N, C-alpha and C. Protein backbone atom coordinates (compact mmCIF):
# COMPACT_ATOMS: atom_id res chain seq x y z
N MET A 1 18.46 17.55 0.60
CA MET A 1 18.56 16.15 1.00
C MET A 1 18.09 16.01 2.46
N LEU A 2 17.55 14.88 2.77
CA LEU A 2 17.03 14.62 4.11
C LEU A 2 18.16 14.31 5.10
N GLU A 3 17.94 14.70 6.34
CA GLU A 3 18.88 14.39 7.40
C GLU A 3 18.79 12.90 7.74
N ASN A 4 19.89 12.34 8.23
CA ASN A 4 19.93 10.91 8.56
C ASN A 4 18.88 10.51 9.59
N TYR A 5 18.67 11.36 10.60
CA TYR A 5 17.68 11.00 11.63
C TYR A 5 16.27 10.96 11.05
N LYS A 6 15.98 11.83 10.06
CA LYS A 6 14.66 11.82 9.42
C LYS A 6 14.48 10.55 8.59
N ILE A 7 15.53 10.17 7.88
CA ILE A 7 15.47 8.95 7.08
C ILE A 7 15.22 7.74 7.99
N LYS A 8 15.86 7.70 9.14
CA LYS A 8 15.64 6.60 10.09
C LYS A 8 14.20 6.59 10.59
N GLU A 9 13.63 7.77 10.83
CA GLU A 9 12.23 7.86 11.25
C GLU A 9 11.31 7.32 10.15
N PHE A 10 11.57 7.74 8.91
CA PHE A 10 10.76 7.27 7.79
C PHE A 10 10.89 5.76 7.63
N LYS A 11 12.11 5.25 7.77
CA LYS A 11 12.34 3.81 7.64
C LYS A 11 11.54 3.03 8.68
N LEU A 12 11.60 3.48 9.91
CA LEU A 12 10.85 2.82 10.98
C LEU A 12 9.35 2.85 10.70
N SER A 13 8.86 3.99 10.26
CA SER A 13 7.44 4.13 9.92
C SER A 13 7.06 3.20 8.78
N LEU A 14 7.90 3.12 7.76
CA LEU A 14 7.62 2.25 6.61
C LEU A 14 7.60 0.78 7.03
N ILE A 15 8.56 0.38 7.84
CA ILE A 15 8.61 -1.02 8.29
C ILE A 15 7.39 -1.36 9.13
N ASN A 16 7.00 -0.48 10.04
CA ASN A 16 5.82 -0.72 10.87
C ASN A 16 4.55 -0.81 10.04
N THR A 17 4.40 0.08 9.08
CA THR A 17 3.22 0.04 8.20
C THR A 17 3.19 -1.24 7.40
N LYS A 18 4.33 -1.64 6.86
CA LYS A 18 4.43 -2.88 6.07
C LYS A 18 4.02 -4.08 6.91
N LEU A 19 4.52 -4.16 8.14
CA LEU A 19 4.18 -5.28 9.02
C LEU A 19 2.68 -5.31 9.34
N LYS A 20 2.10 -4.15 9.61
CA LYS A 20 0.66 -4.08 9.88
C LYS A 20 -0.15 -4.55 8.68
N LEU A 21 0.24 -4.11 7.48
CA LEU A 21 -0.48 -4.50 6.27
C LEU A 21 -0.35 -6.00 6.00
N GLU A 22 0.83 -6.54 6.24
CA GLU A 22 1.03 -7.98 6.03
C GLU A 22 0.21 -8.80 7.03
N LYS A 23 0.15 -8.37 8.28
CA LYS A 23 -0.67 -9.06 9.28
C LYS A 23 -2.15 -8.98 8.91
N LEU A 24 -2.58 -7.82 8.45
CA LEU A 24 -3.97 -7.64 8.05
C LEU A 24 -4.30 -8.53 6.84
N SER A 25 -3.36 -8.65 5.94
CA SER A 25 -3.55 -9.50 4.77
C SER A 25 -3.76 -10.96 5.18
N ILE A 26 -2.97 -11.41 6.11
CA ILE A 26 -3.10 -12.79 6.59
C ILE A 26 -4.43 -12.98 7.32
N ALA A 27 -4.79 -12.01 8.15
CA ALA A 27 -6.02 -12.13 8.95
C ALA A 27 -7.28 -12.11 8.09
N THR A 28 -7.23 -11.41 6.97
CA THR A 28 -8.43 -11.28 6.13
C THR A 28 -8.45 -12.26 4.96
N GLN A 29 -7.47 -13.15 4.91
CA GLN A 29 -7.40 -14.10 3.80
C GLN A 29 -8.68 -14.92 3.62
N PRO A 30 -9.30 -15.43 4.68
CA PRO A 30 -10.53 -16.21 4.48
C PRO A 30 -11.67 -15.43 3.80
N SER A 31 -11.69 -14.13 3.97
CA SER A 31 -12.77 -13.34 3.36
C SER A 31 -12.62 -13.21 1.85
N ARG A 32 -11.48 -13.64 1.33
CA ARG A 32 -11.26 -13.58 -0.12
C ARG A 32 -11.40 -14.93 -0.80
N GLU A 33 -11.70 -15.95 -0.01
CA GLU A 33 -11.87 -17.29 -0.54
C GLU A 33 -13.13 -17.36 -1.40
N PRO A 34 -13.20 -18.30 -2.35
CA PRO A 34 -14.41 -18.46 -3.15
C PRO A 34 -15.64 -18.69 -2.27
N VAL A 35 -16.74 -18.12 -2.68
CA VAL A 35 -17.97 -18.21 -1.92
C VAL A 35 -18.59 -19.58 -2.14
N GLN A 36 -18.80 -20.31 -1.03
CA GLN A 36 -19.43 -21.62 -1.07
C GLN A 36 -20.77 -21.53 -0.34
N LEU A 37 -21.85 -21.55 -1.08
CA LEU A 37 -23.17 -21.44 -0.46
C LEU A 37 -24.06 -22.59 -0.91
N ASP A 38 -24.82 -23.10 0.02
CA ASP A 38 -25.81 -24.12 -0.28
C ASP A 38 -27.02 -23.43 -0.89
N GLN A 39 -27.24 -23.63 -2.18
CA GLN A 39 -28.30 -22.92 -2.86
C GLN A 39 -29.70 -23.35 -2.42
N THR A 40 -29.80 -24.45 -1.73
CA THR A 40 -31.12 -24.87 -1.27
C THR A 40 -31.52 -24.16 0.02
N SER A 41 -30.54 -23.69 0.79
CA SER A 41 -30.87 -23.06 2.07
C SER A 41 -30.60 -21.55 2.10
N VAL A 42 -29.95 -21.02 1.08
CA VAL A 42 -29.62 -19.59 1.06
C VAL A 42 -30.29 -18.95 -0.15
N GLY A 43 -30.90 -17.81 0.09
CA GLY A 43 -31.59 -17.13 -0.99
C GLY A 43 -30.65 -16.47 -1.99
N ARG A 44 -31.21 -16.09 -3.13
CA ARG A 44 -30.43 -15.50 -4.22
C ARG A 44 -29.74 -14.21 -3.78
N LEU A 45 -30.45 -13.35 -3.04
CA LEU A 45 -29.86 -12.09 -2.61
C LEU A 45 -28.71 -12.31 -1.64
N SER A 46 -28.81 -13.31 -0.80
CA SER A 46 -27.72 -13.62 0.12
C SER A 46 -26.48 -14.07 -0.64
N ARG A 47 -26.67 -14.86 -1.69
CA ARG A 47 -25.55 -15.31 -2.51
C ARG A 47 -24.89 -14.12 -3.20
N VAL A 48 -25.71 -13.24 -3.77
CA VAL A 48 -25.18 -12.06 -4.46
C VAL A 48 -24.44 -11.17 -3.47
N ASP A 49 -25.01 -10.99 -2.29
CA ASP A 49 -24.36 -10.18 -1.26
C ASP A 49 -23.02 -10.78 -0.86
N SER A 50 -22.96 -12.09 -0.69
CA SER A 50 -21.70 -12.76 -0.33
C SER A 50 -20.66 -12.60 -1.43
N MET A 51 -21.08 -12.72 -2.66
CA MET A 51 -20.15 -12.57 -3.78
C MET A 51 -19.65 -11.12 -3.89
N GLN A 52 -20.53 -10.18 -3.61
CA GLN A 52 -20.13 -8.77 -3.65
C GLN A 52 -19.13 -8.46 -2.53
N ARG A 53 -19.35 -8.97 -1.34
CA ARG A 53 -18.41 -8.78 -0.23
C ARG A 53 -17.05 -9.39 -0.57
N GLN A 54 -17.08 -10.57 -1.18
CA GLN A 54 -15.83 -11.21 -1.57
C GLN A 54 -15.08 -10.35 -2.59
N ALA A 55 -15.78 -9.81 -3.57
CA ALA A 55 -15.15 -8.95 -4.59
C ALA A 55 -14.54 -7.70 -3.95
N MET A 56 -15.25 -7.12 -2.99
CA MET A 56 -14.72 -5.93 -2.31
C MET A 56 -13.48 -6.29 -1.49
N ASN A 57 -13.49 -7.45 -0.86
CA ASN A 57 -12.32 -7.88 -0.08
C ASN A 57 -11.12 -8.17 -0.99
N ILE A 58 -11.37 -8.71 -2.16
CA ILE A 58 -10.30 -8.96 -3.12
C ILE A 58 -9.69 -7.63 -3.59
N GLU A 59 -10.53 -6.64 -3.87
CA GLU A 59 -10.03 -5.33 -4.29
C GLU A 59 -9.25 -4.65 -3.17
N THR A 60 -9.73 -4.77 -1.95
CA THR A 60 -9.01 -4.20 -0.80
C THR A 60 -7.64 -4.84 -0.69
N GLU A 61 -7.55 -6.14 -0.88
CA GLU A 61 -6.26 -6.84 -0.83
C GLU A 61 -5.34 -6.39 -1.97
N ARG A 62 -5.90 -6.18 -3.14
CA ARG A 62 -5.09 -5.71 -4.28
C ARG A 62 -4.45 -4.38 -3.94
N ARG A 63 -5.23 -3.47 -3.34
CA ARG A 63 -4.70 -2.16 -2.95
C ARG A 63 -3.66 -2.29 -1.83
N ARG A 64 -3.92 -3.21 -0.91
CA ARG A 64 -2.99 -3.45 0.20
C ARG A 64 -1.64 -3.93 -0.36
N VAL A 65 -1.67 -4.86 -1.30
CA VAL A 65 -0.46 -5.39 -1.91
C VAL A 65 0.28 -4.29 -2.68
N ALA A 66 -0.46 -3.43 -3.37
CA ALA A 66 0.16 -2.32 -4.09
C ALA A 66 0.89 -1.38 -3.12
N LYS A 67 0.28 -1.11 -1.97
CA LYS A 67 0.92 -0.25 -0.97
C LYS A 67 2.15 -0.93 -0.38
N ILE A 68 2.07 -2.23 -0.12
CA ILE A 68 3.23 -2.97 0.38
C ILE A 68 4.38 -2.88 -0.63
N ASN A 69 4.06 -3.00 -1.91
CA ASN A 69 5.09 -2.91 -2.95
C ASN A 69 5.73 -1.51 -2.98
N LEU A 70 4.92 -0.47 -2.80
CA LEU A 70 5.47 0.89 -2.74
C LEU A 70 6.40 1.03 -1.53
N ILE A 71 6.01 0.44 -0.41
CA ILE A 71 6.83 0.50 0.79
C ILE A 71 8.15 -0.24 0.58
N LYS A 72 8.09 -1.42 -0.04
CA LYS A 72 9.32 -2.18 -0.33
C LYS A 72 10.25 -1.37 -1.23
N SER A 73 9.68 -0.70 -2.20
CA SER A 73 10.47 0.14 -3.10
C SER A 73 11.12 1.29 -2.33
N ALA A 74 10.38 1.91 -1.43
CA ALA A 74 10.93 3.01 -0.62
C ALA A 74 12.05 2.49 0.28
N LEU A 75 11.88 1.32 0.87
CA LEU A 75 12.93 0.74 1.71
C LEU A 75 14.20 0.43 0.89
N THR A 76 14.01 0.01 -0.34
CA THR A 76 15.15 -0.22 -1.24
C THR A 76 15.86 1.09 -1.54
N ARG A 77 15.09 2.16 -1.75
CA ARG A 77 15.71 3.47 -2.01
C ARG A 77 16.48 3.95 -0.78
N ILE A 78 15.97 3.66 0.41
CA ILE A 78 16.70 4.03 1.63
C ILE A 78 18.03 3.28 1.66
N LYS A 79 17.98 1.98 1.40
CA LYS A 79 19.20 1.16 1.40
C LYS A 79 20.21 1.66 0.37
N ASP A 80 19.70 2.08 -0.79
CA ASP A 80 20.57 2.55 -1.88
C ASP A 80 20.94 4.02 -1.76
N LYS A 81 20.54 4.65 -0.65
CA LYS A 81 20.82 6.07 -0.38
C LYS A 81 20.21 7.00 -1.45
N LYS A 82 19.03 6.61 -1.94
CA LYS A 82 18.33 7.41 -2.94
C LYS A 82 16.95 7.85 -2.44
N TYR A 83 16.68 7.58 -1.16
CA TYR A 83 15.38 7.93 -0.61
C TYR A 83 15.23 9.45 -0.54
N GLY A 84 14.05 9.92 -0.91
CA GLY A 84 13.78 11.35 -0.88
C GLY A 84 14.05 12.03 -2.20
N LEU A 85 14.53 11.25 -3.18
CA LEU A 85 14.76 11.79 -4.51
C LEU A 85 13.68 11.27 -5.46
N CYS A 86 13.16 12.15 -6.28
CA CYS A 86 12.10 11.81 -7.23
C CYS A 86 12.62 10.78 -8.23
N LEU A 87 11.83 9.75 -8.47
CA LEU A 87 12.22 8.73 -9.44
C LEU A 87 12.17 9.25 -10.88
N SER A 88 11.40 10.29 -11.12
CA SER A 88 11.26 10.82 -12.48
C SER A 88 12.33 11.85 -12.82
N CYS A 89 12.51 12.84 -11.95
CA CYS A 89 13.42 13.95 -12.28
C CYS A 89 14.70 13.96 -11.46
N GLY A 90 14.75 13.20 -10.37
CA GLY A 90 15.94 13.15 -9.54
C GLY A 90 16.06 14.26 -8.51
N GLU A 91 15.12 15.20 -8.52
CA GLU A 91 15.14 16.29 -7.54
C GLU A 91 14.60 15.78 -6.19
N SER A 92 14.85 16.56 -5.14
CA SER A 92 14.38 16.19 -3.81
C SER A 92 12.85 16.27 -3.74
N ILE A 93 12.27 15.27 -3.08
CA ILE A 93 10.83 15.28 -2.82
C ILE A 93 10.61 16.16 -1.60
N GLU A 94 9.56 16.96 -1.62
CA GLU A 94 9.26 17.87 -0.54
C GLU A 94 9.11 17.10 0.77
N LYS A 95 9.72 17.61 1.85
CA LYS A 95 9.70 16.94 3.16
C LYS A 95 8.27 16.74 3.65
N ALA A 96 7.42 17.75 3.46
CA ALA A 96 6.03 17.63 3.90
C ALA A 96 5.32 16.52 3.14
N ARG A 97 5.66 16.34 1.89
CA ARG A 97 5.06 15.28 1.07
C ARG A 97 5.47 13.91 1.61
N LEU A 98 6.74 13.77 1.98
CA LEU A 98 7.21 12.51 2.54
C LEU A 98 6.61 12.25 3.92
N GLN A 99 6.43 13.30 4.71
CA GLN A 99 5.84 13.12 6.03
C GLN A 99 4.40 12.64 5.90
N HIS A 100 3.69 13.11 4.91
CA HIS A 100 2.31 12.70 4.69
C HIS A 100 2.24 11.27 4.14
N ASN A 101 3.18 10.94 3.25
CA ASN A 101 3.16 9.64 2.59
C ASN A 101 4.61 9.18 2.35
N PRO A 102 5.23 8.51 3.33
CA PRO A 102 6.66 8.18 3.25
C PRO A 102 7.06 7.30 2.07
N GLU A 103 6.12 6.57 1.49
CA GLU A 103 6.50 5.70 0.37
C GLU A 103 6.39 6.37 -0.99
N ILE A 104 6.01 7.64 -1.02
CA ILE A 104 5.78 8.37 -2.26
C ILE A 104 7.07 8.38 -3.11
N PRO A 105 6.98 8.05 -4.41
CA PRO A 105 8.19 7.97 -5.23
C PRO A 105 8.52 9.23 -6.04
N ASN A 106 7.59 10.18 -6.11
CA ASN A 106 7.79 11.33 -6.98
C ASN A 106 7.55 12.65 -6.27
N CYS A 107 8.22 13.68 -6.76
CA CYS A 107 7.96 15.04 -6.26
C CYS A 107 6.58 15.48 -6.76
N LEU A 108 6.08 16.54 -6.21
CA LEU A 108 4.73 17.00 -6.55
C LEU A 108 4.63 17.37 -8.03
N GLN A 109 5.63 18.06 -8.55
CA GLN A 109 5.60 18.48 -9.95
C GLN A 109 5.49 17.29 -10.90
N CYS A 110 6.30 16.27 -10.68
CA CYS A 110 6.26 15.07 -11.54
C CYS A 110 4.96 14.30 -11.36
N ALA A 111 4.45 14.25 -10.13
CA ALA A 111 3.18 13.57 -9.88
C ALA A 111 2.05 14.27 -10.62
N LEU A 112 2.07 15.59 -10.64
CA LEU A 112 1.03 16.34 -11.36
C LEU A 112 1.15 16.14 -12.85
N GLU A 113 2.35 16.04 -13.36
CA GLU A 113 2.57 15.83 -14.80
C GLU A 113 2.06 14.46 -15.24
N LYS A 114 2.18 13.45 -14.34
CA LYS A 114 1.71 12.11 -14.67
C LYS A 114 0.20 11.98 -14.61
N ALA A 115 -0.44 12.86 -13.83
CA ALA A 115 -1.90 12.77 -13.64
C ALA A 115 -2.67 13.20 -14.87
């Protein structure tokens, strides 16, 4: 089981990462808006390029939201005193694994089995 001071460090890291991702999401919101182009003044390739950029920004936001959800789940586990335990088998998640990715929900063995 993790020491209390380590859990507090992970919690602080998770909260800071979540805040950064939420700020980034707000700042990049206009880049995900529908593409409005005047077809008389913009060429076909420019329209396609704009639509492709918009699609990439939407996918980036989808991944950002998924990471925020993982962080929220990890913060809930901290609150419930279950942080650091694998959601699949209940065993402790390796400390090095948590240091690399604090929101990780599974131990290495269970993660490999799911892959």
